[in-house]
Amino acid sequence: MKKDEMVKNDARAERGASMVEYALLVSLIAVVAIAAVTTLGTSITGKFSSASSAITGQAAAPANP
């Protein structure tokens, strides 16, 4: 095997390794983004629910014993 062929094979192997690293990085970013959206979605849903209740007067109605 010639030296030029060895260099080309090494370059191809490193290119493949880089693609795997990029794929792992993109999947990690996707997981973090999904977790953030899920957490913020739950928080925002609660805030909208309490705001809606306050607007309709349900939360402001005092209990008369």
Protein backbone atom coordinates (compact mmCIF):
# COMPACT_ATOMS: atom_id res chain seq x y z
CA MET A 1 0.00 0.00 0.00
CA LYS A 2 1.38 3.36 -0.98
CA LYS A 3 1.71 6.26 1.38
CA ASP A 4 -0.79 8.32 -0.64
CA GLU A 5 -3.41 5.59 -0.30
CA MET A 6 -2.82 5.40 3.44
CA VAL A 7 -3.30 9.15 3.80
CA LYS A 8 -6.54 9.01 1.78
CA ASN A 9 -7.83 6.12 3.92
CA ASP A 10 -6.99 8.01 7.11
CA ALA A 11 -8.79 11.11 5.83
CA ARG A 12 -11.88 9.06 5.00
CA ALA A 13 -11.85 7.41 8.44
CA GLU A 14 -11.59 10.79 10.17
CA ARG A 15 -14.37 12.22 8.00
CA GLY A 16 -16.60 9.32 9.06
CA ALA A 17 -15.72 9.86 12.70
CA SER A 18 -16.54 13.55 12.38
CA MET A 19 -19.95 12.72 10.94
CA VAL A 20 -20.68 10.45 13.91
CA GLU A 21 -19.63 13.19 16.33
CA TYR A 22 -21.86 15.71 14.57
CA ALA A 23 -24.78 13.29 14.66
CA LEU A 24 -24.31 12.75 18.38
CA LEU A 25 -24.08 16.49 18.96
CA VAL A 26 -27.25 17.18 16.98
CA SER A 27 -29.15 14.44 18.82
CA LEU A 28 -28.01 15.81 22.20
CA ILE A 29 -29.16 19.30 21.23
CA ALA A 30 -32.51 17.88 20.13
CA VAL A 31 -32.99 16.08 23.46
CA VAL A 32 -32.17 19.24 25.42
CA ALA A 33 -34.50 21.32 23.26
CA ILE A 34 -37.37 18.85 23.71
CA ALA A 35 -36.84 18.80 27.49
CA ALA A 36 -36.79 22.60 27.63
CA VAL A 37 -39.94 22.96 25.55
CA THR A 38 -41.74 20.35 27.65
CA THR A 39 -40.78 22.05 30.91
CA LEU A 40 -41.60 25.54 29.69
CA GLY A 41 -44.84 24.31 28.15
CA THR A 42 -46.02 22.96 31.49
CA SER A 43 -45.06 26.18 33.25
CA ILE A 44 -46.72 28.38 30.65
CA THR A 45 -49.89 26.26 30.72
CA GLY A 46 -50.18 26.83 34.47
CA LYS A 47 -49.67 30.57 34.11
CA PHE A 48 -52.28 30.85 31.35
CA SER A 49 -54.71 28.79 33.41
CA SER A 50 -54.33 31.04 36.46
CA ALA A 51 -54.59 34.16 34.29
CA SER A 52 -57.75 32.81 32.69
CA SER A 53 -59.24 32.05 36.07
CA ALA A 54 -58.42 35.54 37.31
CA ILE A 55 -59.99 37.15 34.25
CA THR A 56 -63.23 35.19 34.57
CA GLY A 57 -63.38 35.90 38.30
CA GLN A 58 -63.14 32.32 39.45
CA ALA A 59 -59.94 32.83 41.42
CA ALA A 60 -61.06 36.13 42.94
CA ALA A 61 -64.35 34.85 44.35
CA PRO A 62 -64.04 34.74 48.16
CA ALA A 63 -65.51 31.84 50.08
CA ASN A 64 -68.48 32.84 52.26
CA PRO A 65 -68.75 30.62 55.33
